[in-house]
Amino acid sequence: MLTPTEEALAEAPPPTRGGGALRYVLTKIGGGLISFALVIVLGFLLFRALPGDVVATMFRGRPATAEMIANLKHQYGLDLPLWQQFVNYLGDLSRGDLGDSYVYRVPVLQKIGERFWPTVLLVGVSTLISVALGLWLGTRSGWRRGSRFDRISTGVALALWSTPTFWLGMLLLAATTGLFPTAGIVYSDTPPDFLSQALDIAHHMVLPTITMVAVTYAQYQLVMRSSLIEEMGADYLTTARAKGLRDDEVRRKHAVPNALLPTVTLVFLHIGFVIAGAISVETVFSWPGLGRLTYDALRVGDLPLLQGTFVVLAGAVIVMNVLADLLYRVLDPRVRAS
């Protein structure tokens, strides 16, 4: 027999979850669009606040008269009032035009497209290895909390997580002199067939990939370890053991799937930051990606290229944050019920 409360709940119409889900999605996407708009404004103002004259920097090491500098400023529209430059920038951006690079003399979008895939390759491979390694170590150390393996692996993870990426990269360069390539993505004399190119790229990727993995896997390990330790005291694990399940089955089928939720969402949140953080790794190893392109543009004062790479890298962070929020709702029933 049902209690009065249970009868009332049974007679109540089911909640309309469609409207709540749509509102949640629109809210997150709207927040992402607002963040992207702020990025556009910040990117425009930030690089114009840098000290020095952008056009004069282009003539570094070469004689240039005041008239030549003035002509170039007029050509690039840098002699216009700041508000008018911003209006022109928004107009070009609305058409998908990021301007032309001052140094490379090609559209910024074309240059970003050339450097986009090396960064995606490096970040993608590094992320896959980092996630696999972090989840495996986090599961083992969490399940064996307090063991020698847990103390050593957690200590190493904390040390690597605290290590500056560029410093670790330079250490690897010094320690592996002659063993691996230290610059570029492929040798100029590599045969053009697919296998030779793939092996050459893989050889060039060893050091930058190790550097990125060493710094990023630790976060996944520590979060997975913490989540698993929290799950180990749950009642459903005690029930599973009481049913006669082996310890390995309890961990694999019950504890780990529930502990994965924070780590999975962290992966999406972290991908955007890994892409943006690839600047130091690509600079140290001269990897021809977006990070190295950003560094080169900053060094020579290429304003359109700086704005373009900033918008792309910051946009990647925002997109991944929105995807992480949406994925969290899909994976966690507590968020769907709210």
Protein backbone atom coordinates (compact mmCIF):
# COMPACT_ATOMS: atom_id res chain seq x y z
CA MET A 1 0.00 0.00 0.00
CA LEU A 2 1.27 3.44 -0.94
CA THR A 3 1.62 6.24 1.57
CA PRO A 4 -0.22 9.53 0.88
CA THR A 5 3.04 11.13 -0.24
CA GLU A 6 3.78 8.27 -2.65
CA GLU A 7 0.21 8.43 -4.02
CA ALA A 8 0.58 12.16 -4.66
CA LEU A 9 3.85 11.62 -6.44
CA ALA A 10 2.34 8.83 -8.53
CA GLU A 11 -0.61 10.98 -9.58
CA ALA A 12 1.53 14.04 -10.37
CA PRO A 13 2.33 14.56 -14.03
CA PRO A 14 5.89 13.73 -15.05
CA PRO A 15 8.25 16.73 -15.11
CA THR A 16 8.87 18.31 -18.46
CA ARG A 17 12.58 17.88 -18.90
CA GLY A 18 12.75 19.02 -22.50
CA GLY A 19 12.34 22.69 -21.66
CA GLY A 20 14.89 22.48 -18.86
CA ALA A 21 17.45 20.79 -21.07
CA LEU A 22 16.98 23.32 -23.86
CA ARG A 23 17.26 26.20 -21.41
CA TYR A 24 20.45 24.70 -19.98
CA VAL A 25 22.01 24.30 -23.44
CA LEU A 26 21.04 27.81 -24.54
CA THR A 27 22.38 29.26 -21.29
CA LYS A 28 25.76 27.59 -21.71
CA ILE A 29 26.03 28.52 -25.40
CA GLY A 30 24.97 32.10 -24.61
CA GLY A 31 27.62 32.31 -21.91
CA GLY A 32 30.20 31.04 -24.38
CA LEU A 33 29.21 33.66 -26.95
CA ILE A 34 29.48 36.42 -24.35
CA SER A 35 32.94 35.16 -23.38
CA PHE A 36 33.98 35.08 -27.05
CA ALA A 37 32.78 38.67 -27.51
CA LEU A 38 34.89 39.75 -24.54
CA VAL A 39 37.86 37.89 -26.02
CA ILE A 40 37.50 39.85 -29.27
CA VAL A 41 37.46 43.17 -27.41
CA LEU A 42 40.34 42.15 -25.14
CA GLY A 43 42.42 40.87 -28.05
CA PHE A 44 41.96 44.11 -29.94
CA LEU A 45 42.93 46.33 -27.01
CA LEU A 46 45.61 44.12 -25.49
CA PHE A 47 48.04 44.08 -28.40
CA ARG A 48 47.60 47.78 -29.10
CA ALA A 49 48.64 48.48 -25.52
CA LEU A 50 52.02 46.82 -26.06
CA PRO A 51 54.96 49.21 -25.80
CA GLY A 52 56.70 50.31 -28.98
CA ASP A 53 55.65 51.16 -32.51
CA VAL A 54 54.38 48.17 -34.47
CA VAL A 55 55.29 49.62 -37.86
CA ALA A 56 58.73 50.79 -36.69
CA THR A 57 59.40 47.25 -35.45
CA MET A 58 58.90 45.96 -38.98
CA PHE A 59 61.90 48.03 -40.09
CA ARG A 60 64.14 46.64 -37.36
CA GLY A 61 67.71 46.57 -38.67
CA ARG A 62 66.82 48.50 -41.84
CA PRO A 63 66.86 52.26 -42.46
CA ALA A 64 63.41 53.83 -42.60
CA THR A 65 62.36 57.44 -42.91
CA ALA A 66 59.46 59.00 -41.05
CA GLU A 67 57.60 59.27 -44.33
CA MET A 68 57.92 55.54 -45.01
CA ILE A 69 56.61 54.70 -41.54
CA ALA A 70 53.71 57.14 -41.96
CA ASN A 71 52.80 55.61 -45.33
CA LEU A 72 52.74 52.11 -43.87
CA LYS A 73 50.58 53.24 -40.95
CA HIS A 74 48.13 54.75 -43.42
CA GLN A 75 48.19 51.59 -45.55
CA TYR A 76 47.34 49.38 -42.57
CA GLY A 77 44.85 51.86 -41.11
CA LEU A 78 46.90 52.39 -37.94
CA ASP A 79 46.62 56.17 -38.24
CA LEU A 80 42.85 56.03 -37.73
CA PRO A 81 41.23 56.71 -34.33
CA LEU A 82 41.09 53.63 -32.10
CA TRP A 83 37.30 53.37 -32.22
CA GLN A 84 37.33 53.42 -36.02
CA GLN A 85 40.02 50.73 -36.12
CA PHE A 86 37.81 48.62 -33.85
CA VAL A 87 34.74 49.12 -36.06
CA ASN A 88 36.76 48.13 -39.12
CA TYR A 89 38.10 45.09 -37.25
CA LEU A 90 34.60 43.96 -36.28
CA GLY A 91 33.41 44.40 -39.86
CA ASP A 92 36.25 42.28 -41.23
CA LEU A 93 35.77 39.67 -38.48
CA SER A 94 32.05 39.35 -39.26
CA ARG A 95 33.05 38.35 -42.81
CA GLY A 96 35.60 35.83 -41.56
CA ASP A 97 38.50 38.09 -42.51
CA LEU A 98 41.28 38.27 -39.91
CA GLY A 99 43.35 40.64 -42.01
CA ASP A 100 46.71 40.16 -43.70
CA SER A 101 49.94 39.38 -41.92
CA TYR A 102 52.42 42.25 -41.89
CA VAL A 103 55.39 39.88 -42.12
CA TYR A 104 54.20 36.95 -44.24
CA ARG A 105 52.08 39.13 -46.56
CA VAL A 106 49.33 36.49 -46.74
CA PRO A 107 45.85 36.35 -45.15
CA VAL A 108 46.05 35.54 -41.44
CA LEU A 109 43.42 32.82 -41.84
CA GLN A 110 45.59 31.09 -44.45
CA LYS A 111 48.64 31.19 -42.17
CA ILE A 112 46.65 29.85 -39.23
CA GLY A 113 45.32 27.06 -41.44
CA GLU A 114 48.86 26.04 -42.35
CA ARG A 115 49.89 25.84 -38.70
CA PHE A 116 46.64 24.45 -37.30
CA TRP A 117 47.12 20.74 -38.01
CA PRO A 118 50.62 20.39 -36.48
CA THR A 119 49.20 21.77 -33.24
CA VAL A 120 46.16 19.48 -33.41
CA LEU A 121 48.45 16.49 -34.01
CA LEU A 122 50.74 17.33 -31.10
CA VAL A 123 47.94 18.20 -28.70
CA GLY A 124 45.78 15.24 -29.77
CA VAL A 125 48.50 12.62 -29.31
CA SER A 126 49.67 14.18 -26.04
CA THR A 127 46.12 14.30 -24.68
CA LEU A 128 45.37 10.67 -25.53
CA ILE A 129 48.56 9.47 -23.85
CA SER A 130 48.05 11.76 -20.86
CA VAL A 131 44.45 10.61 -20.31
CA ALA A 132 45.31 6.88 -20.62
CA LEU A 133 48.33 7.18 -18.33
CA GLY A 134 46.59 9.44 -15.82
CA LEU A 135 43.50 7.21 -15.53
CA TRP A 136 45.57 4.04 -15.14
CA LEU A 137 47.90 5.47 -12.51
CA GLY A 138 45.07 7.26 -10.73
CA THR A 139 43.01 4.08 -10.53
CA ARG A 140 45.89 1.99 -9.21
CA SER A 141 47.07 4.55 -6.66
CA GLY A 142 43.54 5.33 -5.48
CA TRP A 143 42.56 1.69 -5.08
CA ARG A 144 45.81 1.02 -3.18
CA ARG A 145 45.79 4.22 -1.16
CA GLY A 146 48.75 4.49 1.20
CA SER A 147 50.75 1.80 -0.57
CA ARG A 148 54.31 2.30 -1.79
CA PHE A 149 53.06 2.58 -5.38
CA ASP A 150 50.58 5.26 -4.34
CA ARG A 151 53.18 7.33 -2.50
CA ILE A 152 55.73 7.18 -5.31
CA SER A 153 53.33 7.78 -8.20
CA THR A 154 51.54 10.63 -6.42
CA GLY A 155 54.84 12.26 -5.46
CA VAL A 156 56.11 12.09 -9.04
CA ALA A 157 52.81 13.46 -10.36
CA LEU A 158 52.90 16.42 -7.96
CA ALA A 159 56.51 17.17 -8.89
CA LEU A 160 55.84 17.09 -12.63
CA TRP A 161 52.63 19.09 -12.31
CA SER A 162 54.64 21.84 -10.59
CA THR A 163 57.38 21.87 -13.25
CA PRO A 164 57.35 24.72 -15.79
CA THR A 165 56.80 23.30 -19.26
CA PHE A 166 59.53 25.28 -21.00
CA TRP A 167 62.09 24.32 -18.33
CA LEU A 168 61.27 20.62 -18.63
CA GLY A 169 61.54 20.90 -22.41
CA MET A 170 64.99 22.46 -22.20
CA LEU A 171 66.11 19.74 -19.78
CA LEU A 172 65.01 17.07 -22.25
CA LEU A 173 66.86 18.87 -25.04
CA ALA A 174 70.05 18.87 -23.00
CA ALA A 175 69.66 15.27 -21.79
CA THR A 176 68.89 13.71 -25.20
CA THR A 177 71.33 15.57 -27.42
CA GLY A 178 71.72 13.70 -30.69
CA LEU A 179 69.04 11.09 -29.95
CA PHE A 180 66.00 12.94 -31.26
CA PRO A 181 65.38 15.91 -33.57
CA THR A 182 65.26 19.21 -31.71
CA ALA A 183 63.43 21.36 -34.25
CA GLY A 184 60.82 21.15 -36.99
CA ILE A 185 58.34 18.46 -37.90
CA VAL A 186 60.13 16.63 -40.73
CA TYR A 187 63.55 16.55 -42.32
CA SER A 188 63.86 18.27 -45.69
CA ASP A 189 65.39 15.17 -47.36
CA THR A 190 62.72 12.71 -46.17
CA PRO A 191 61.23 10.66 -49.04
CA PRO A 192 57.72 11.82 -49.95
CA ASP A 193 56.00 8.47 -49.40
CA PHE A 194 53.47 8.23 -46.56
CA LEU A 195 55.32 5.74 -44.34
CA SER A 196 58.60 7.66 -44.41
CA GLN A 197 56.83 10.93 -43.69
CA ALA A 198 54.82 9.40 -40.81
CA LEU A 199 57.91 7.85 -39.20
CA ASP A 200 59.82 11.11 -39.54
CA ILE A 201 57.00 13.12 -37.96
CA ALA A 202 56.74 10.58 -35.13
CA HIS A 203 60.49 10.87 -34.55
CA HIS A 204 60.23 14.67 -34.34
CA MET A 205 57.24 14.40 -31.98
CA VAL A 206 58.99 12.36 -29.29
CA LEU A 207 60.45 15.19 -27.20
CA PRO A 208 57.56 17.70 -27.42
CA THR A 209 55.05 14.92 -26.72
CA ILE A 210 56.96 13.68 -23.67
CA THR A 211 57.16 17.25 -22.38
CA MET A 212 53.42 17.86 -22.72
CA VAL A 213 52.46 14.43 -21.34
CA ALA A 214 54.75 14.79 -18.31
CA VAL A 215 53.09 18.04 -17.30
CA THR A 216 49.44 17.21 -18.10
CA TYR A 217 48.95 13.55 -17.12
CA ALA A 218 49.48 14.36 -13.44
CA GLN A 219 46.28 16.36 -13.20
CA TYR A 220 44.21 13.48 -14.56
CA GLN A 221 45.92 11.05 -12.20
CA LEU A 222 45.34 13.15 -9.09
CA VAL A 223 41.68 13.85 -9.92
CA MET A 224 41.02 10.17 -10.73
CA ARG A 225 42.74 9.08 -7.53
CA SER A 226 40.70 11.50 -5.43
CA SER A 227 37.42 10.51 -7.09
CA LEU A 228 38.09 6.80 -6.63
CA ILE A 229 38.98 7.24 -2.95
CA GLU A 230 35.64 9.00 -2.44
CA GLU A 231 33.78 6.17 -4.17
CA MET A 232 35.51 3.46 -2.13
CA GLY A 233 33.45 4.27 0.95
CA ALA A 234 30.10 4.12 -0.88
CA ASP A 235 27.43 1.64 0.24
CA TYR A 236 26.96 0.14 -3.24
CA LEU A 237 30.53 -1.17 -3.20
CA THR A 238 29.89 -2.91 0.13
CA THR A 239 26.75 -4.43 -1.38
CA ALA A 240 28.68 -5.59 -4.44
CA ARG A 241 31.29 -7.30 -2.25
CA ALA A 242 28.53 -8.90 -0.16
CA LYS A 243 27.14 -10.45 -3.33
CA GLY A 244 30.41 -12.29 -3.76
CA LEU A 245 32.02 -10.17 -6.51
CA ARG A 246 35.78 -10.29 -6.64
CA ASP A 247 37.71 -7.16 -5.70
CA ASP A 248 38.87 -6.69 -9.29
CA GLU A 249 35.27 -6.83 -10.57
CA VAL A 250 34.11 -4.36 -7.91
CA ARG A 251 36.79 -1.91 -8.99
CA ARG A 252 36.34 -2.37 -12.74
CA LYS A 253 32.55 -2.60 -13.00
CA HIS A 254 31.38 -0.36 -10.17
CA ALA A 255 33.95 1.99 -8.63
CA VAL A 256 35.88 3.13 -11.71
CA PRO A 257 32.86 4.02 -13.93
CA ASN A 258 31.42 6.25 -11.21
CA ALA A 259 34.78 7.83 -10.44
CA LEU A 260 35.37 8.67 -14.11
CA LEU A 261 32.86 11.51 -14.25
CA PRO A 262 35.04 14.33 -12.86
CA THR A 263 38.03 13.19 -14.92
CA VAL A 264 36.09 12.98 -18.21
CA THR A 265 34.76 16.50 -17.83
CA LEU A 266 38.22 17.69 -16.81
CA VAL A 267 39.63 16.31 -20.07
CA PHE A 268 37.35 18.56 -22.14
CA LEU A 269 38.02 21.52 -19.89
CA HIS A 270 41.75 20.95 -20.14
CA ILE A 271 42.01 20.44 -23.92
CA GLY A 272 41.50 24.13 -24.62
CA PHE A 273 44.15 25.11 -22.09
CA VAL A 274 46.55 22.50 -23.48
CA ILE A 275 46.14 24.03 -26.96
CA ALA A 276 46.84 27.49 -25.58
CA GLY A 277 49.67 26.16 -23.41
CA ALA A 278 51.39 24.57 -26.40
CA ILE A 279 53.03 27.94 -27.09
CA SER A 280 55.97 27.24 -24.79
CA VAL A 281 56.47 23.66 -26.00
CA GLU A 282 56.30 24.60 -29.68
CA THR A 283 58.70 27.47 -29.07
CA VAL A 284 61.27 25.33 -27.28
CA PHE A 285 61.19 22.61 -29.95
CA SER A 286 60.52 24.91 -32.92
CA TRP A 287 57.38 22.92 -33.69
CA PRO A 288 55.60 24.63 -36.63
CA GLY A 289 52.20 25.03 -34.98
CA LEU A 290 49.98 27.81 -33.71
CA GLY A 291 52.04 28.22 -30.55
CA ARG A 292 55.24 28.88 -32.47
CA LEU A 293 53.33 31.15 -34.85
CA THR A 294 52.05 33.19 -31.91
CA TYR A 295 55.55 33.54 -30.50
CA ASP A 296 56.97 34.66 -33.86
CA ALA A 297 54.13 37.17 -34.33
CA LEU A 298 54.72 38.60 -30.86
CA ARG A 299 58.47 38.87 -31.47
CA VAL A 300 58.10 40.90 -34.67
CA GLY A 301 54.94 42.81 -33.70
CA ASP A 302 52.67 41.31 -36.39
CA LEU A 303 49.41 42.79 -35.09
CA PRO A 304 46.85 41.01 -37.35
CA LEU A 305 48.56 37.66 -36.81
CA LEU A 306 48.63 38.18 -33.04
CA GLN A 307 44.93 39.05 -32.99
CA GLY A 308 44.07 36.09 -35.19
CA THR A 309 45.96 33.48 -33.17
CA PHE A 310 44.63 34.96 -29.93
CA VAL A 311 41.04 34.68 -31.13
CA VAL A 312 41.55 31.10 -32.35
CA LEU A 313 43.32 29.87 -29.20
CA ALA A 314 40.92 31.63 -26.82
CA GLY A 315 37.98 30.39 -28.90
CA ALA A 316 39.24 26.82 -28.52
CA VAL A 317 39.26 27.22 -24.73
CA ILE A 318 35.71 28.60 -24.73
CA VAL A 319 34.36 25.87 -27.03
CA MET A 320 35.88 23.14 -24.87
CA ASN A 321 34.47 24.71 -21.71
CA VAL A 322 30.97 24.77 -23.21
CA LEU A 323 31.32 21.14 -24.39
CA ALA A 324 32.47 20.13 -20.91
CA ASP A 325 29.39 21.75 -19.34
CA LEU A 326 27.07 20.03 -21.82
CA LEU A 327 28.81 16.68 -21.38
CA TYR A 328 28.58 16.97 -17.61
CA ARG A 329 24.80 17.24 -17.86
CA VAL A 330 24.67 14.14 -20.06
CA LEU A 331 26.86 12.07 -17.75
CA ASP A 332 25.62 13.22 -14.34
CA PRO A 333 21.93 12.53 -13.59
CA ARG A 334 22.07 14.91 -10.64
CA VAL A 335 22.63 17.83 -13.03
CA ARG A 336 19.79 16.65 -15.31
CA ALA A 337 17.43 16.50 -12.35
CA SER A 338 18.23 20.06 -11.27
